[in-house]
Amino acid sequence: MACNSDTAIECFRTTGDAVQYDIVVADFTKVHISAGIELVITQGETQKVTVHTGENIKEYITAEVKEGELFIANANNCNWTRDYNNTIVYITTPNLDRIYSASQFAIKSEGVLNFPTLELMSGLLSETASGTFELTINSENLLVQDDQSAYYVIKGEVDNLIVKFYDGDARFEGGDLIAQKVEVFQRSTNDIIVNPQQEIKGTIYSTGNLIIKNTPSSLNTPLVVDVDQLYTGHIIYN
């Protein structure tokens, strides 16, 4: 049996020729991504889900909406004869309010996402792979929650930013995210980097630092800082 076939044994099956196709799903406002998938999100008037993968493994890629949440899964976990990161899902949607990633690959935005309220989550439901979030947003509220080790690189503007790292070594790179008000729960061993304009509050419970990309005196309106440091992590002004 040839490996370059959709009938080959899963572990020995090659990717095959690249294919791209749309999947018709019900309306959704939340997305849940499994391991083995990269996600690219574009804001647009019409909701659309497009899969780019290999001909021989497309049967393993599924998309299903449950109670307004789109679950995208890659059931192929054994790939001895092909490269990783060969499945990319492209989503166009007028609005999203939550993205949960269990993938080792990136969640990216194409253009600016003007979603009013957005939650980014990883590692909360079970021990999973930890990938990256690379997004540019313009939102009123952004909530980031992580219990493992995802890497968040977020740019743009937001009124209210909440970052909660409950454990692990997750990192938040928000130096290019202009946030009016920031709240942090820092129990990661890595750093949280933010750019607050009015106030920042929260607690540092671990060795990870809270890096503030301005100083209380560098703004026209003084920055209010109300952060408790309960362990070896520090506030660092940069």
Protein backbone atom coordinates (compact mmCIF):
# COMPACT_ATOMS: atom_id res chain seq x y z
CA MET A 1 0.00 0.00 0.00
CA ALA A 2 1.49 3.37 -0.99
CA CYS A 3 2.06 6.00 1.72
CA ASN A 4 0.99 8.76 -0.69
CA SER A 5 -2.64 7.70 -0.52
CA ASP A 6 -5.73 8.44 1.54
CA THR A 7 -6.03 4.69 2.21
CA ALA A 8 -2.59 4.30 3.78
CA ILE A 9 -2.24 3.54 7.49
CA GLU A 10 -2.56 6.79 9.45
CA CYS A 11 1.01 6.93 10.82
CA PHE A 12 2.54 6.32 7.39
CA ARG A 13 0.16 8.45 5.35
CA THR A 14 1.79 11.41 3.62
CA THR A 15 0.04 14.75 3.37
CA GLY A 16 -0.71 14.45 -0.33
CA ASP A 17 -1.42 17.35 -2.67
CA ALA A 18 -2.55 20.60 -1.04
CA VAL A 19 -6.29 21.18 -1.15
CA GLN A 20 -8.47 24.08 -0.04
CA TYR A 21 -12.19 23.85 0.57
CA ASP A 22 -15.01 25.57 2.46
CA ILE A 23 -17.01 23.98 5.27
CA VAL A 24 -20.60 25.11 5.78
CA VAL A 25 -21.44 25.52 9.48
CA ALA A 26 -24.09 27.20 11.60
CA ASP A 27 -23.53 30.70 12.98
CA PHE A 28 -21.00 30.98 15.78
CA THR A 29 -19.43 33.61 18.04
CA LYS A 30 -16.84 31.38 19.74
CA VAL A 31 -14.05 29.20 18.36
CA HIS A 32 -12.30 26.17 19.89
CA ILE A 33 -9.17 24.93 18.08
CA SER A 34 -7.66 21.50 18.71
CA ALA A 35 -4.02 20.47 18.44
CA GLY A 36 -2.53 20.29 14.96
CA ILE A 37 -4.29 23.33 13.48
CA GLU A 38 -3.19 26.88 12.69
CA LEU A 39 -5.95 29.49 12.63
CA VAL A 40 -6.14 32.76 10.68
CA ILE A 41 -9.02 35.12 11.52
CA THR A 42 -10.32 37.95 9.34
CA GLN A 43 -13.19 40.25 10.21
CA GLY A 44 -15.78 40.41 7.44
CA GLU A 45 -19.51 40.72 6.89
CA THR A 46 -20.12 37.10 5.85
CA GLN A 47 -19.13 34.17 8.03
CA LYS A 48 -16.92 31.65 6.24
CA VAL A 49 -14.71 28.69 7.21
CA THR A 50 -12.01 27.55 4.78
CA VAL A 51 -9.61 24.64 5.32
CA HIS A 52 -6.18 24.34 3.71
CA THR A 53 -4.66 20.90 4.23
CA GLY A 54 -3.42 17.79 2.42
CA GLU A 55 -5.62 15.59 0.25
CA ASN A 56 -4.70 12.46 2.20
CA ILE A 57 -5.52 13.86 5.65
CA LYS A 58 -8.56 16.05 5.03
CA GLU A 59 -10.87 13.35 6.38
CA TYR A 60 -9.40 13.99 9.84
CA ILE A 61 -10.34 17.69 9.86
CA THR A 62 -13.80 18.42 11.25
CA ALA A 63 -15.79 21.56 12.04
CA GLU A 64 -18.95 21.54 14.11
CA VAL A 65 -20.96 24.22 15.90
CA LYS A 66 -22.37 23.46 19.35
CA GLU A 67 -24.37 26.13 21.17
CA GLY A 68 -22.77 28.91 19.16
CA GLU A 69 -19.19 27.60 19.49
CA LEU A 70 -17.25 26.35 16.47
CA PHE A 71 -15.12 23.31 17.31
CA ILE A 72 -12.37 22.68 14.76
CA ALA A 73 -10.51 19.43 15.30
CA ASN A 74 -7.66 17.51 13.73
CA ALA A 75 -8.08 13.85 14.65
CA ASN A 76 -4.82 12.83 13.00
CA ASN A 77 -2.25 12.49 15.79
CA CYS A 78 0.26 10.19 14.12
CA ASN A 79 2.41 11.61 11.33
CA TRP A 80 5.71 9.80 10.95
CA THR A 81 6.08 10.54 7.23
CA ARG A 82 5.10 14.21 6.92
CA ASP A 83 5.88 17.63 8.32
CA TYR A 84 3.96 19.21 11.14
CA ASN A 85 1.79 22.30 10.67
CA ASN A 86 0.15 21.29 7.40
CA THR A 87 -3.42 22.31 8.25
CA ILE A 88 -4.51 25.95 8.31
CA VAL A 89 -8.09 27.04 8.90
CA TYR A 90 -9.18 30.49 7.70
CA ILE A 91 -12.19 32.06 9.39
CA THR A 92 -14.00 35.18 8.24
CA THR A 93 -16.63 36.46 10.66
CA PRO A 94 -18.35 39.72 11.62
CA ASN A 95 -17.81 39.05 15.32
CA LEU A 96 -16.11 36.71 17.77
CA ASP A 97 -16.19 36.93 21.53
CA ARG A 98 -13.97 33.97 22.48
CA ILE A 99 -11.06 31.97 21.06
CA TYR A 100 -9.86 28.87 22.88
CA SER A 101 -6.68 27.23 21.60
CA ALA A 102 -5.40 23.75 22.40
CA SER A 103 -3.04 23.92 19.43
CA GLN A 104 0.75 24.06 19.33
CA PHE A 105 0.46 26.37 16.33
CA ALA A 106 -0.46 30.03 15.95
CA ILE A 107 -3.74 31.87 16.14
CA LYS A 108 -3.28 34.88 13.83
CA SER A 109 -5.30 37.85 12.64
CA GLU A 110 -5.40 39.10 9.07
CA GLY A 111 -5.92 42.83 9.51
CA VAL A 112 -7.38 44.49 12.60
CA LEU A 113 -10.10 42.70 14.56
CA ASN A 114 -12.71 45.22 15.74
CA PHE A 115 -14.58 42.87 18.06
CA PRO A 116 -16.13 44.76 21.01
CA THR A 117 -15.26 42.10 23.60
CA LEU A 118 -12.80 39.26 23.10
CA GLU A 119 -11.57 36.43 25.33
CA LEU A 120 -8.36 34.52 24.55
CA MET A 121 -7.93 31.25 26.42
CA SER A 122 -5.52 28.32 26.51
CA GLY A 123 -4.67 25.49 28.89
CA LEU A 124 -7.75 25.89 31.08
CA LEU A 125 -9.76 22.78 30.21
CA SER A 126 -6.98 20.18 30.16
CA GLU A 127 -3.24 19.82 29.67
CA THR A 128 -2.77 20.63 26.01
CA ALA A 129 -0.21 21.92 23.57
CA SER A 130 0.67 25.59 23.95
CA GLY A 131 0.93 27.76 20.87
CA THR A 132 0.86 31.48 20.17
CA PHE A 133 -1.72 34.20 19.73
CA GLU A 134 -0.58 36.87 17.24
CA LEU A 135 -3.41 39.38 16.94
CA THR A 136 -4.04 43.03 16.18
CA ILE A 137 -7.24 44.24 17.83
CA ASN A 138 -9.32 47.35 18.43
CA SER A 139 -11.69 46.41 21.25
CA GLU A 140 -13.42 47.69 24.33
CA ASN A 141 -12.57 44.65 26.46
CA LEU A 142 -9.89 41.97 26.18
CA LEU A 143 -9.64 39.08 28.65
CA VAL A 144 -6.67 36.70 28.47
CA GLN A 145 -6.63 33.53 30.59
CA ASP A 146 -3.96 30.83 30.61
CA ASP A 147 -2.99 27.94 32.86
CA GLN A 148 -0.02 26.59 30.89
CA SER A 149 2.45 28.22 28.53
CA ALA A 150 0.92 29.96 25.52
CA TYR A 151 2.65 33.04 24.12
CA TYR A 152 0.47 36.10 23.46
CA VAL A 153 1.66 38.88 21.13
CA ILE A 154 -1.16 41.40 20.97
CA LYS A 155 -1.11 44.80 19.25
CA GLY A 156 -3.64 47.60 18.81
CA GLU A 157 -5.90 49.40 21.27
CA VAL A 158 -8.26 48.34 24.05
CA ASP A 159 -10.15 50.13 26.80
CA ASN A 160 -9.99 47.38 29.43
CA LEU A 161 -7.35 44.65 29.49
CA ILE A 162 -7.41 41.74 31.95
CA VAL A 163 -4.57 39.20 31.94
CA LYS A 164 -4.86 36.18 34.24
CA PHE A 165 -2.06 33.62 34.29
CA TYR A 166 -2.95 30.95 36.84
CA ASP A 167 0.15 28.74 36.48
CA GLY A 168 2.83 27.64 34.02
CA ASP A 169 5.07 29.95 32.00
CA ALA A 170 2.67 31.81 29.73
CA ARG A 171 3.92 35.15 28.42
CA PHE A 172 1.98 38.25 27.39
CA GLU A 173 3.66 40.70 24.98
CA GLY A 174 1.45 43.77 25.05
CA GLY A 175 3.95 46.59 24.68
CA ASP A 176 2.26 47.59 21.41
CA LEU A 177 -1.24 47.26 22.84
CA ILE A 178 -2.44 50.64 24.11
CA ALA A 179 -4.67 49.78 27.08
CA GLN A 180 -6.48 52.43 29.09
CA LYS A 181 -7.01 50.23 32.16
CA VAL A 182 -5.20 47.00 33.01
CA GLU A 183 -5.79 44.28 35.58
CA VAL A 184 -3.37 41.37 36.12
CA PHE A 185 -3.26 38.08 38.00
CA GLN A 186 0.35 36.98 37.63
CA ARG A 187 1.24 33.44 38.68
CA SER A 188 3.32 32.61 35.60
CA THR A 189 7.08 32.19 35.73
CA ASN A 190 7.27 34.33 32.58
CA ASP A 191 6.54 38.03 32.14
CA ILE A 192 3.46 40.10 31.48
CA ILE A 193 4.27 43.19 29.41
CA VAL A 194 1.60 45.89 29.20
CA ASN A 195 1.18 49.51 28.14
CA PRO A 196 -1.45 51.05 30.46
CA GLN A 197 -2.52 54.66 30.01
CA GLN A 198 -4.70 55.35 33.05
CA GLU A 199 -4.35 52.64 35.67
CA ILE A 200 -3.03 49.18 36.41
CA LYS A 201 -3.96 46.95 39.31
CA GLY A 202 -3.52 43.34 40.36
CA THR A 203 -1.22 40.92 42.16
CA ILE A 204 2.08 39.18 41.42
CA TYR A 205 2.16 35.70 42.99
CA SER A 206 5.14 34.12 41.23
CA THR A 207 8.60 34.71 39.79
CA GLY A 208 7.28 36.31 36.60
CA ASN A 209 7.57 40.07 36.35
CA LEU A 210 5.06 42.72 35.40
CA ILE A 211 6.73 45.01 32.87
CA ILE A 212 5.06 48.38 32.31
CA LYS A 213 6.03 50.11 29.06
CA ASN A 214 5.71 53.58 30.50
CA THR A 215 6.25 55.25 33.85
CA PRO A 216 3.72 57.00 36.11
CA SER A 217 5.23 60.38 35.18
CA SER A 218 5.53 59.83 31.41
CA LEU A 219 1.83 60.37 30.66
CA ASN A 220 -0.21 63.56 30.60
CA THR A 221 -2.46 62.02 33.24
CA PRO A 222 -0.53 60.27 36.03
CA LEU A 223 -0.68 56.47 35.85
CA VAL A 224 -2.35 54.86 38.85
CA VAL A 225 -0.44 51.75 39.93
CA ASP A 226 -2.01 49.45 42.54
CA VAL A 227 -0.18 46.12 42.29
CA ASP A 228 0.72 43.83 45.20
CA GLN A 229 4.02 41.95 44.93
CA LEU A 230 3.70 38.79 47.03
CA TYR A 231 6.65 36.80 45.67
CA THR A 232 9.89 37.43 43.79
CA GLY A 233 8.30 38.82 40.63
CA HIS A 234 8.61 42.59 40.36
CA ILE A 235 7.12 45.61 38.67
CA ILE A 236 9.59 46.85 36.08
CA TYR A 237 9.14 50.17 34.28
CA ASN A 238 10.53 50.07 30.76
